[in-house]
Amino acid sequence: MEKILNDLETLFSEAKNKSEFDFVLTLINYKGMGSQHLMTNLHEWFQAIEFYKKLYLDFSGKEKTRIGVLLYSTFFENSDFYNILGSLCRIKLGFKGSSFLFWKTKKYERLLGIGEKQDFLIELLDDAEKPQIINFFEKNHLKAIRNTFFHSAYSLSETEYILHDSESLSIAGIENFSIDVEDFLYPIVNNVISFFDKFKQLYFESFYSYTTDKVVEGKFPNVSKIIILGSSEGLKGFVIKNAVEFYGKPHDSGIVYDEEDDMWEGQNINFYFDNLETIEIREQLSRYENKADINKNDSEFHNMIDKVKERNNAAELIRAVNLLAKFGQVRDKNMQAEQNLYKKSSFPSIILPYYTKAVELGDSIADMSTLKERIKELQA
């Protein structure tokens, strides 16, 4: 776990060093005017897991197992946790974070599932060069445990957690419908507690480190001198002096914590034409344009393509078509270089989704004849 926790610590420091203002925005986690404890689930998540930790350490036997799995399952459910990790990755890479980064899919018609959030996050973590955090999720998040617990599809003996109405768990290449609590379950719960403790520590250390005001440069949306507000109680927001003008008089803009009403307040925030989704999608397009390939998981990429299709913006469509063709061609070249005939035969099913989607989006705006011919060859 030491390497994993080191990766997490460096992610916080690298994001802060890259853009301290965007780092502060991520800490504020602003989703609208209201109490910091009620407008998001983050603080309830912190408090709930601390409560479950106490019970987990106090109890033994089946009671310990039940509380351990409750803690484990709750840890992986929190959207703010994924948004903050993903935002830190984006900030390190030179983009902006978002309080709604992993929230809903396509045209926001449904909430993302936990597996989808993790799939989207994995590629960002890879871009940010955080392989140990990826390792944490891949080794410790087993959806069959979370699903059986929350769906009450499990039973317990004194030594085993038994799964019902569920897919099996693959452990050391063997499929299992029960796991030993001492040898397998408790160690992964303990790993989750270690990660949670470090994440919480880094978040609050960062938040409470702002004991005095500090001037930095940042984009909101234009490049400005920004005053980060500090106090004996930590971060209190930020102010941009004379950012807007009303009736011929300049006024400050920012997000400030109101002590009396115990709430974050957006003050004279300058709304601009490009909305949140536009900025996020165009930054995503830029991020993928700077990548030679999709290395870990293409779920985030295809979700972005779905959104571009729904938005039907010509400039975005052209960029999306070029990306689909580029990543399809990478896989096409890998197929041509593959010497194993069995592996080679599996490549068309990997390549075709990229090429066919490129044709679907680009047929009315670009010449797709060469790509169509290649699709026919692969289908044959």
Protein backbone atom coordinates (compact mmCIF):
# COMPACT_ATOMS: atom_id res chain seq x y z
CA MET A 1 0.00 0.00 0.00
CA GLU A 2 2.92 2.36 0.55
CA LYS A 3 3.48 2.91 -3.18
CA ILE A 4 -0.26 3.46 -3.71
CA LEU A 5 -0.44 6.08 -0.96
CA ASN A 6 2.69 7.77 -2.32
CA ASP A 7 1.00 8.03 -5.74
CA LEU A 8 -2.03 9.64 -4.09
CA GLU A 9 0.13 12.14 -2.20
CA THR A 10 2.08 13.14 -5.30
CA LEU A 11 -1.17 13.58 -7.27
CA PHE A 12 -2.33 16.22 -4.77
CA SER A 13 1.02 18.03 -4.82
CA GLU A 14 1.41 17.89 -8.62
CA ALA A 15 -2.07 19.32 -9.19
CA LYS A 16 -1.43 22.14 -6.73
CA ASN A 17 1.90 22.95 -8.34
CA LYS A 18 0.39 22.95 -11.83
CA SER A 19 -2.53 25.31 -11.08
CA GLU A 20 -3.14 26.30 -7.48
CA PHE A 21 -6.38 28.12 -8.31
CA ASP A 22 -7.89 25.05 -9.98
CA PHE A 23 -6.65 22.98 -7.06
CA VAL A 24 -8.52 25.31 -4.67
CA LEU A 25 -11.68 25.07 -6.81
CA THR A 26 -11.46 21.29 -6.45
CA LEU A 27 -11.17 21.59 -2.65
CA ILE A 28 -14.17 23.94 -2.51
CA ASN A 29 -16.13 21.43 -4.62
CA TYR A 30 -18.75 24.09 -5.37
CA LYS A 31 -22.08 22.83 -6.74
CA GLY A 32 -24.26 25.79 -5.86
CA MET A 33 -25.05 28.16 -3.02
CA GLY A 34 -25.51 26.30 0.24
CA SER A 35 -23.80 24.63 3.18
CA GLN A 36 -20.58 22.80 2.37
CA HIS A 37 -21.95 19.88 4.41
CA LEU A 38 -25.29 19.70 2.58
CA MET A 39 -24.69 20.68 -1.05
CA THR A 40 -22.44 17.66 -1.63
CA ASN A 41 -22.15 14.21 -0.10
CA LEU A 42 -18.40 14.47 0.58
CA HIS A 43 -18.52 15.37 4.28
CA GLU A 44 -21.25 12.85 5.07
CA TRP A 45 -19.08 10.22 3.32
CA PHE A 46 -16.10 11.20 5.50
CA GLN A 47 -18.19 11.03 8.68
CA ALA A 48 -20.02 7.81 7.78
CA ILE A 49 -16.85 5.88 7.03
CA GLU A 50 -15.23 7.12 10.25
CA PHE A 51 -18.28 5.78 12.12
CA TYR A 52 -18.11 2.45 10.28
CA LYS A 53 -14.37 2.22 10.98
CA LYS A 54 -15.01 2.51 14.71
CA LEU A 55 -17.60 -0.28 14.61
CA TYR A 56 -15.38 -2.44 12.38
CA LEU A 57 -12.51 -2.20 14.85
CA ASP A 58 -14.75 -2.73 17.89
CA PHE A 59 -16.65 -5.81 16.70
CA SER A 60 -15.63 -9.36 15.78
CA GLY A 61 -17.15 -12.34 13.97
CA LYS A 62 -20.19 -11.81 11.75
CA GLU A 63 -20.76 -8.29 13.11
CA LYS A 64 -17.25 -7.28 12.03
CA THR A 65 -17.82 -8.80 8.59
CA ARG A 66 -21.13 -7.00 8.05
CA ILE A 67 -19.71 -3.63 9.08
CA GLY A 68 -16.55 -4.27 7.07
CA VAL A 69 -18.51 -4.90 3.88
CA LEU A 70 -20.75 -1.88 4.57
CA LEU A 71 -17.65 0.31 4.91
CA TYR A 72 -16.08 -1.25 1.82
CA SER A 73 -19.20 -0.78 -0.30
CA THR A 74 -19.87 2.78 0.88
CA PHE A 75 -16.31 3.82 0.10
CA PHE A 76 -16.66 2.97 -3.60
CA GLU A 77 -20.05 4.68 -4.03
CA ASN A 78 -19.17 8.35 -3.50
CA SER A 79 -19.28 10.57 -6.63
CA ASP A 80 -17.32 13.45 -5.05
CA PHE A 81 -14.42 11.05 -4.38
CA TYR A 82 -14.18 10.19 -8.10
CA ASN A 83 -14.71 13.83 -9.17
CA ILE A 84 -11.87 15.02 -6.94
CA LEU A 85 -9.42 12.31 -8.08
CA GLY A 86 -10.35 12.89 -11.74
CA SER A 87 -10.12 16.66 -11.35
CA LEU A 88 -6.66 16.41 -9.80
CA CYS A 89 -5.56 14.31 -12.78
CA ARG A 90 -7.00 16.84 -15.25
CA ILE A 91 -5.35 19.75 -13.42
CA LYS A 92 -1.98 17.99 -13.50
CA LEU A 93 -2.46 17.51 -17.26
CA GLY A 94 -3.16 21.23 -17.78
CA PHE A 95 -6.97 21.19 -17.89
CA LYS A 96 -9.67 22.30 -15.48
CA GLY A 97 -11.36 20.13 -12.87
CA SER A 98 -15.10 19.87 -12.28
CA SER A 99 -17.47 19.14 -9.42
CA PHE A 100 -19.60 17.23 -11.95
CA LEU A 101 -16.82 15.36 -13.74
CA PHE A 102 -18.19 11.83 -13.25
CA TRP A 103 -21.88 12.39 -12.73
CA LYS A 104 -24.16 11.59 -15.64
CA THR A 105 -23.73 10.18 -19.11
CA LYS A 106 -24.53 11.34 -22.65
CA LYS A 107 -27.07 14.15 -22.44
CA TYR A 108 -27.23 13.70 -18.65
CA GLU A 109 -30.24 11.40 -18.91
CA ARG A 110 -29.03 9.00 -16.21
CA LEU A 111 -26.56 8.79 -13.37
CA LEU A 112 -23.29 6.99 -13.97
CA GLY A 113 -22.77 3.67 -12.25
CA ILE A 114 -19.77 3.02 -10.02
CA GLY A 115 -18.13 0.79 -12.61
CA GLU A 116 -18.51 3.51 -15.26
CA LYS A 117 -16.98 6.16 -13.00
CA GLN A 118 -14.02 3.92 -12.35
CA ASP A 119 -13.62 3.09 -16.04
CA PHE A 120 -13.58 6.82 -16.87
CA LEU A 121 -11.14 7.52 -14.04
CA ILE A 122 -8.67 4.75 -14.96
CA GLU A 123 -7.66 6.34 -18.29
CA LEU A 124 -7.21 9.73 -16.59
CA LEU A 125 -5.04 8.13 -13.91
CA ASP A 126 -2.96 6.51 -16.64
CA ASP A 127 -2.54 9.86 -18.43
CA ALA A 128 -1.49 11.40 -15.10
CA GLU A 129 1.05 8.58 -14.60
CA LYS A 130 -0.50 7.15 -11.45
CA PRO A 131 -0.24 3.37 -12.02
CA GLN A 132 -0.33 2.52 -8.32
CA ILE A 133 -3.75 4.15 -7.84
CA ILE A 134 -4.98 2.17 -10.84
CA ASN A 135 -3.58 -0.92 -9.14
CA PHE A 136 -5.55 -0.04 -5.99
CA PHE A 137 -8.87 0.01 -7.86
CA GLU A 138 -8.13 -3.07 -9.95
CA LYS A 139 -7.02 -5.19 -6.99
CA ASN A 140 -9.42 -4.01 -4.29
CA HIS A 141 -12.72 -3.12 -5.98
CA LEU A 142 -14.68 -6.32 -6.55
CA LYS A 143 -18.18 -5.38 -7.65
CA ALA A 144 -19.59 -8.82 -6.78
CA ILE A 145 -18.95 -8.13 -3.09
CA ARG A 146 -20.56 -4.67 -3.19
CA ASN A 147 -23.53 -5.87 -5.27
CA THR A 148 -24.30 -8.94 -3.15
CA PHE A 149 -24.12 -6.92 0.06
CA PHE A 150 -26.30 -4.02 -1.09
CA HIS A 151 -28.78 -6.44 -2.72
CA SER A 152 -28.81 -8.67 0.37
CA ALA A 153 -27.65 -11.58 -1.75
CA TYR A 154 -25.08 -13.01 0.64
CA SER A 155 -24.82 -15.18 3.72
CA LEU A 156 -22.18 -15.53 6.42
CA SER A 157 -20.53 -18.27 8.36
CA GLU A 158 -17.98 -17.55 11.06
CA THR A 159 -15.20 -17.78 8.48
CA GLU A 160 -16.75 -17.13 5.04
CA TYR A 161 -18.65 -14.54 3.02
CA ILE A 162 -20.88 -16.46 0.60
CA LEU A 163 -22.26 -14.92 -2.60
CA HIS A 164 -25.76 -15.71 -3.96
CA ASP A 165 -27.35 -14.77 -7.31
CA SER A 166 -24.03 -13.34 -8.42
CA GLU A 167 -21.16 -13.80 -10.80
CA SER A 168 -18.20 -15.62 -9.29
CA LEU A 169 -15.05 -14.02 -7.94
CA SER A 170 -11.84 -14.97 -9.73
CA ILE A 171 -9.05 -15.38 -7.18
CA ALA A 172 -5.65 -16.66 -8.36
CA GLY A 173 -7.35 -18.01 -11.49
CA ILE A 174 -9.99 -19.97 -9.56
CA GLU A 175 -13.68 -19.04 -9.65
CA ASN A 176 -15.20 -18.71 -6.18
CA PHE A 177 -18.68 -18.17 -4.73
CA SER A 178 -17.33 -17.77 -1.20
CA ILE A 179 -14.33 -16.00 0.28
CA ASP A 180 -12.48 -16.42 3.55
CA VAL A 181 -13.03 -13.33 5.68
CA GLU A 182 -9.70 -13.44 7.53
CA ASP A 183 -7.46 -14.28 4.57
CA PHE A 184 -9.23 -12.32 1.81
CA LEU A 185 -12.05 -9.98 2.86
CA TYR A 186 -10.52 -8.21 5.86
CA PRO A 187 -7.23 -7.45 4.04
CA ILE A 188 -9.04 -5.63 1.19
CA VAL A 189 -11.25 -3.77 3.69
CA ASN A 190 -8.06 -2.72 5.48
CA ASN A 191 -6.59 -1.52 2.16
CA VAL A 192 -9.70 0.57 1.57
CA ILE A 193 -9.40 2.08 5.07
CA SER A 194 -5.74 2.96 4.39
CA PHE A 195 -6.63 4.65 1.11
CA PHE A 196 -9.57 6.49 2.68
CA ASP A 197 -7.46 7.70 5.60
CA LYS A 198 -4.79 9.06 3.25
CA PHE A 199 -7.30 10.71 0.92
CA LYS A 200 -9.11 12.36 3.84
CA GLN A 201 -5.81 13.46 5.40
CA LEU A 202 -4.59 15.03 2.15
CA TYR A 203 -7.92 16.74 1.49
CA PHE A 204 -8.17 18.35 4.93
CA GLU A 205 -4.45 19.16 5.17
CA SER A 206 -4.80 20.98 1.85
CA PHE A 207 -8.02 22.73 2.93
CA TYR A 208 -6.66 23.88 6.29
CA SER A 209 -3.27 24.90 4.89
CA TYR A 210 -4.76 28.21 3.72
CA THR A 211 -4.36 30.22 6.91
CA THR A 212 -3.75 33.58 5.21
CA ASP A 213 -4.79 35.17 1.92
CA LYS A 214 -2.69 34.31 -1.10
CA VAL A 215 -2.58 35.86 -4.57
CA VAL A 216 -2.28 33.47 -7.53
CA GLU A 217 -2.96 33.59 -11.25
CA GLY A 218 -5.78 31.53 -12.75
CA LYS A 219 -8.55 31.34 -15.32
CA PHE A 220 -12.14 32.12 -14.31
CA PRO A 221 -12.69 32.05 -17.29
CA ASN A 222 -10.15 34.70 -18.28
CA VAL A 223 -6.65 34.89 -16.81
CA SER A 224 -6.84 37.02 -13.66
CA LYS A 225 -5.09 37.74 -10.40
CA ILE A 226 -7.06 35.75 -7.83
CA ILE A 227 -7.01 36.17 -4.06
CA ILE A 228 -7.36 32.82 -2.29
CA LEU A 229 -9.00 33.56 1.06
CA GLY A 230 -7.41 31.90 4.09
CA SER A 231 -8.27 31.96 7.78
CA SER A 232 -7.58 30.21 11.07
CA GLU A 233 -10.27 27.74 9.97
CA GLY A 234 -8.71 27.14 6.57
CA LEU A 235 -9.94 27.92 3.06
CA LYS A 236 -12.73 30.51 2.83
CA GLY A 237 -13.00 30.86 -0.94
CA PHE A 238 -11.53 33.24 -3.48
CA VAL A 239 -12.10 36.75 -4.81
CA ILE A 240 -11.27 38.42 -8.11
CA LYS A 241 -11.11 42.18 -7.64
CA ASN A 242 -13.13 44.40 -10.00
CA ALA A 243 -14.04 41.42 -12.17
CA VAL A 244 -17.46 42.68 -13.28
CA GLU A 245 -19.14 46.01 -13.82
CA PHE A 246 -22.70 47.00 -12.92
CA TYR A 247 -24.13 50.46 -13.71
CA GLY A 248 -20.67 51.77 -14.43
CA LYS A 249 -19.14 50.60 -11.16
CA PRO A 250 -16.65 47.70 -10.74
CA HIS A 251 -17.49 44.85 -8.36
CA ASP A 252 -15.58 41.84 -7.05
CA SER A 253 -16.40 38.30 -8.13
CA GLY A 254 -15.77 34.94 -6.49
CA ILE A 255 -16.96 32.16 -4.22
CA VAL A 256 -16.87 33.03 -0.51
CA TYR A 257 -17.86 31.13 2.62
CA ASP A 258 -20.45 33.04 4.65
CA GLU A 259 -19.75 32.37 8.32
CA GLU A 260 -23.10 33.62 9.59
CA ASP A 261 -25.23 31.48 7.30
CA ASP A 262 -22.73 28.58 7.13
CA MET A 263 -22.79 28.42 3.34
CA TRP A 264 -20.78 28.93 0.18
CA GLU A 265 -21.96 31.91 -1.85
CA GLY A 266 -21.22 32.66 -5.48
CA GLN A 267 -20.77 36.43 -5.75
CA ASN A 268 -21.13 38.20 -9.10
CA ILE A 269 -19.88 35.14 -10.95
CA ASN A 270 -19.47 36.09 -14.58
CA PHE A 271 -21.49 33.70 -16.74
CA TYR A 272 -20.09 33.25 -20.24
CA PHE A 273 -21.24 31.72 -23.49
CA ASP A 274 -19.35 28.45 -23.34
CA ASN A 275 -21.14 26.35 -20.74
CA LEU A 276 -19.62 23.74 -18.46
CA GLU A 277 -20.27 20.84 -20.84
CA THR A 278 -18.69 22.68 -23.78
CA ILE A 279 -15.51 23.41 -21.86
CA GLU A 280 -15.22 19.86 -20.54
CA ILE A 281 -15.84 18.21 -23.91
CA ARG A 282 -13.41 20.43 -25.79
CA GLU A 283 -10.75 19.87 -23.15
CA GLN A 284 -11.39 16.12 -23.42
CA LEU A 285 -10.99 16.30 -27.19
CA SER A 286 -7.69 18.14 -26.74
CA ARG A 287 -6.51 15.59 -24.21
CA TYR A 288 -7.16 12.70 -26.57
CA GLU A 289 -5.63 14.59 -29.50
CA ASN A 290 -2.41 14.76 -27.47
CA LYS A 291 -2.45 11.00 -26.78
CA ALA A 292 -0.81 8.45 -29.04
CA ASP A 293 -3.33 5.81 -27.95
CA ILE A 294 -5.96 4.87 -25.39
CA ASN A 295 -3.98 2.74 -23.00
CA LYS A 296 -6.19 1.40 -20.22
CA ASN A 297 -9.90 1.85 -20.83
CA ASP A 298 -11.84 3.43 -23.71
CA SER A 299 -15.13 3.94 -21.80
CA GLU A 300 -14.49 7.63 -21.12
CA PHE A 301 -13.52 8.16 -24.76
CA HIS A 302 -16.67 6.55 -26.16
CA ASN A 303 -18.83 8.41 -23.64
CA MET A 304 -17.29 11.64 -24.94
CA ILE A 305 -18.03 10.57 -28.52
CA ASP A 306 -21.68 9.93 -27.57
CA LYS A 307 -21.92 13.44 -26.15
CA VAL A 308 -20.33 14.98 -29.24
CA LYS A 309 -22.86 13.13 -31.41
CA GLU A 310 -25.77 14.40 -29.30
CA ARG A 311 -24.49 18.00 -29.39
CA ASN A 312 -24.07 17.90 -33.20
CA ASN A 313 -21.52 20.72 -33.26
CA ALA A 314 -19.66 20.63 -36.60
CA ALA A 315 -16.25 21.60 -35.19
CA GLU A 316 -16.50 19.00 -32.43
CA LEU A 317 -17.73 16.33 -34.87
CA ILE A 318 -14.71 16.78 -37.14
CA ARG A 319 -12.34 16.44 -34.19
CA ALA A 320 -14.20 13.36 -32.97
CA VAL A 321 -14.09 11.72 -36.41
CA ASN A 322 -10.34 12.34 -36.64
CA LEU A 323 -9.82 10.78 -33.20
CA LEU A 324 -11.92 7.72 -34.05
CA ALA A 325 -9.94 7.23 -37.24
CA LYS A 326 -6.63 7.76 -35.42
CA PHE A 327 -7.28 5.24 -32.66
CA GLY A 328 -8.77 2.78 -35.15
CA GLN A 329 -5.63 3.03 -37.26
CA VAL A 330 -3.43 2.38 -34.20
CA ARG A 331 -5.30 -0.90 -33.66
CA ASP A 332 -5.22 -1.63 -37.39
CA LYS A 333 -1.42 -1.34 -37.43
CA ASN A 334 -1.20 -3.55 -34.35
CA MET A 335 -3.25 -6.19 -36.17
CA GLN A 336 -1.00 -6.06 -39.23
CA ALA A 337 2.07 -6.48 -37.02
CA GLU A 338 0.59 -9.37 -35.03
CA GLN A 339 2.22 -12.73 -35.83
CA ASN A 340 -0.13 -14.93 -33.81
CA LEU A 341 -2.98 -15.82 -36.20
CA TYR A 342 -5.43 -16.50 -33.36
CA LYS A 343 -4.83 -13.06 -31.84
CA LYS A 344 -4.84 -11.46 -35.29
CA SER A 345 -8.33 -12.79 -36.00
CA SER A 346 -9.72 -11.02 -32.93
CA PHE A 347 -8.59 -7.55 -34.02
CA PRO A 348 -11.39 -6.65 -36.48
CA SER A 349 -13.95 -6.71 -33.66
CA ILE A 350 -11.74 -4.21 -31.80
CA ILE A 351 -11.05 -1.95 -34.81
CA LEU A 352 -14.50 -1.82 -36.42
CA PRO A 353 -16.28 0.12 -33.62
CA TYR A 354 -13.85 2.99 -34.16
CA TYR A 355 -14.10 3.01 -37.95
CA THR A 356 -17.87 2.52 -38.15
CA LYS A 357 -18.51 5.29 -35.62
CA ALA A 358 -16.17 7.59 -37.58
CA VAL A 359 -18.18 6.96 -40.74
CA GLU A 360 -21.47 7.43 -38.88
CA LEU A 361 -20.40 10.83 -37.56
CA GLY A 362 -18.37 12.00 -40.53
CA ASP A 363 -20.20 10.79 -43.63
CA SER A 364 -21.95 14.11 -44.19
CA ILE A 365 -18.95 16.34 -43.47
CA ALA A 366 -15.92 14.51 -44.91
CA ASP A 367 -14.86 11.99 -47.54
CA MET A 368 -15.18 8.59 -45.88
CA SER A 369 -14.61 6.43 -48.97
CA THR A 370 -11.18 5.10 -47.92
CA LEU A 371 -12.43 4.23 -44.46
CA LYS A 372 -15.53 2.53 -45.89
CA GLU A 373 -13.33 0.31 -48.06
CA ARG A 374 -11.24 -0.65 -45.07
CA ILE A 375 -14.40 -1.49 -43.11
CA LYS A 376 -15.47 -3.87 -45.90
CA GLU A 377 -12.07 -5.56 -45.81
CA LEU A 378 -12.21 -6.02 -42.05
CA GLN A 379 -15.78 -7.30 -42.16
CA ALA A 380 -14.74 -9.85 -44.76
